[in-house]
């Protein structure tokens, strides 16, 4: 494989790795908030799979002679922002429509 192609593949692997890390982080925070045990089990399986994918992409990158990136995808920030907005909207609803 040519050097340019190799670098493109490694960049692609790193982008997938950062997305998988984001998935692990989001699922990890959500699983602690869920009360439904069946849903917790399912989310735990997804989180495990995301973690396995992180290991796979890290290994592919290392086997290409590079070090895996340290970034976590922006999905974490999107979920955090959405959750904060929902909390804010719920607080406003409580102020303007008290029970």
Protein backbone atom coordinates (compact mmCIF):
# COMPACT_ATOMS: atom_id res chain seq x y z
CA UNK A 1 0.00 0.00 0.00
CA UNK A 2 1.30 3.42 -0.88
CA UNK A 3 2.15 5.84 1.93
CA UNK A 4 -0.70 8.24 1.07
CA UNK A 5 -3.25 5.42 1.02
CA UNK A 6 -1.87 4.03 4.29
CA UNK A 7 -2.25 7.43 5.99
CA UNK A 8 -5.81 7.77 4.68
CA UNK A 9 -6.69 4.34 6.06
CA UNK A 10 -5.16 5.22 9.45
CA UNK A 11 -7.11 8.51 9.53
CA UNK A 12 -10.27 6.55 8.75
CA UNK A 13 -9.53 4.01 11.50
CA UNK A 14 -8.88 6.86 13.95
CA UNK A 15 -12.18 8.53 13.08
CA UNK A 16 -14.00 5.25 13.67
CA UNK A 17 -12.07 4.76 16.92
CA UNK A 18 -13.11 8.19 18.21
CA UNK A 19 -16.75 7.45 17.33
CA UNK A 20 -16.63 4.12 19.18
CA UNK A 21 -15.08 5.83 22.22
CA UNK A 22 -17.94 8.32 22.19
CA UNK A 23 -20.41 5.44 22.11
CA UNK A 24 -18.77 3.82 25.13
CA UNK A 25 -18.80 7.09 27.05
CA UNK A 26 -22.44 7.90 26.28
CA UNK A 27 -23.67 4.38 27.01
CA UNK A 28 -21.65 4.28 30.21
CA UNK A 29 -23.35 7.41 31.51
CA UNK A 30 -26.81 6.32 30.37
CA UNK A 31 -26.70 2.81 31.79
CA UNK A 32 -26.43 4.20 35.33
CA UNK A 33 -29.57 6.28 34.89
CA UNK A 34 -31.79 3.51 33.54
CA UNK A 35 -34.10 1.73 35.95
CA UNK A 36 -35.35 -0.97 33.57
CA UNK A 37 -33.05 -3.97 34.09
CA UNK A 38 -33.72 -5.43 30.63
CA UNK A 39 -32.74 -2.15 29.00
CA UNK A 40 -29.64 -1.97 31.23
CA UNK A 41 -28.60 -5.40 29.98
CA UNK A 42 -29.07 -4.40 26.35
CA UNK A 43 -27.17 -1.13 26.80
CA UNK A 44 -24.41 -3.06 28.57
CA UNK A 45 -24.10 -5.38 25.58
CA UNK A 46 -23.91 -2.39 23.21
CA UNK A 47 -21.30 -0.76 25.45
CA UNK A 48 -19.24 -3.96 25.48
CA UNK A 49 -19.42 -4.17 21.68
CA UNK A 50 -18.35 -0.53 21.32
CA UNK A 51 -15.40 -1.27 23.62
CA UNK A 52 -14.43 -4.31 21.56
CA UNK A 53 -14.54 -2.16 18.43
CA UNK A 54 -12.22 0.34 20.14
CA UNK A 55 -9.75 -2.47 20.74
CA UNK A 56 -10.03 -3.66 17.14
CA UNK A 57 -9.39 -0.20 15.65
CA UNK A 58 -6.53 0.44 18.08
CA UNK A 59 -4.93 -2.85 17.08
CA UNK A 60 -5.36 -2.14 13.37
CA UNK A 61 -3.68 1.25 13.82
CA UNK A 62 -0.83 -0.18 15.91
CA UNK A 63 -0.31 -2.99 13.39
CA UNK A 64 0.10 -0.28 10.75
CA UNK A 65 3.00 1.15 12.74
CA UNK A 66 1.12 4.14 14.16
CA UNK A 67 -0.24 5.10 17.56
CA UNK A 68 -4.02 5.36 17.93
CA UNK A 69 -5.41 8.84 18.39
CA UNK A 70 -6.71 9.96 21.78
CA UNK A 71 -9.81 11.84 20.61
CA UNK A 72 -13.37 11.01 21.56
CA UNK A 73 -16.04 11.74 18.98
CA UNK A 74 -18.32 14.76 19.24
CA UNK A 75 -21.35 12.52 19.83
CA UNK A 76 -20.66 12.88 23.57
CA UNK A 77 -21.04 16.67 23.40
CA UNK A 78 -24.19 16.37 21.30
CA UNK A 79 -25.83 14.00 23.77
CA UNK A 80 -24.73 16.11 26.75
CA UNK A 81 -26.10 19.26 25.12
CA UNK A 82 -29.42 17.56 24.31
CA UNK A 83 -29.76 16.22 27.85
CA UNK A 84 -28.96 19.62 29.38
CA UNK A 85 -31.47 21.30 27.10
CA UNK A 86 -34.15 18.76 28.05
CA UNK A 87 -33.46 19.33 31.77
CA UNK A 88 -33.71 23.08 31.25
CA UNK A 89 -36.99 22.71 29.34
CA UNK A 90 -38.39 20.48 32.10
CA UNK A 91 -37.44 23.07 34.72
CA UNK A 92 -39.13 25.79 32.70
CA UNK A 93 -42.23 23.66 32.31
CA UNK A 94 -42.29 23.20 36.08
CA UNK A 95 -42.07 26.95 36.61
CA UNK A 96 -44.77 27.86 34.13
CA UNK A 97 -46.97 24.81 34.64
CA UNK A 98 -46.52 23.74 38.27
CA UNK A 99 -48.23 20.52 39.28
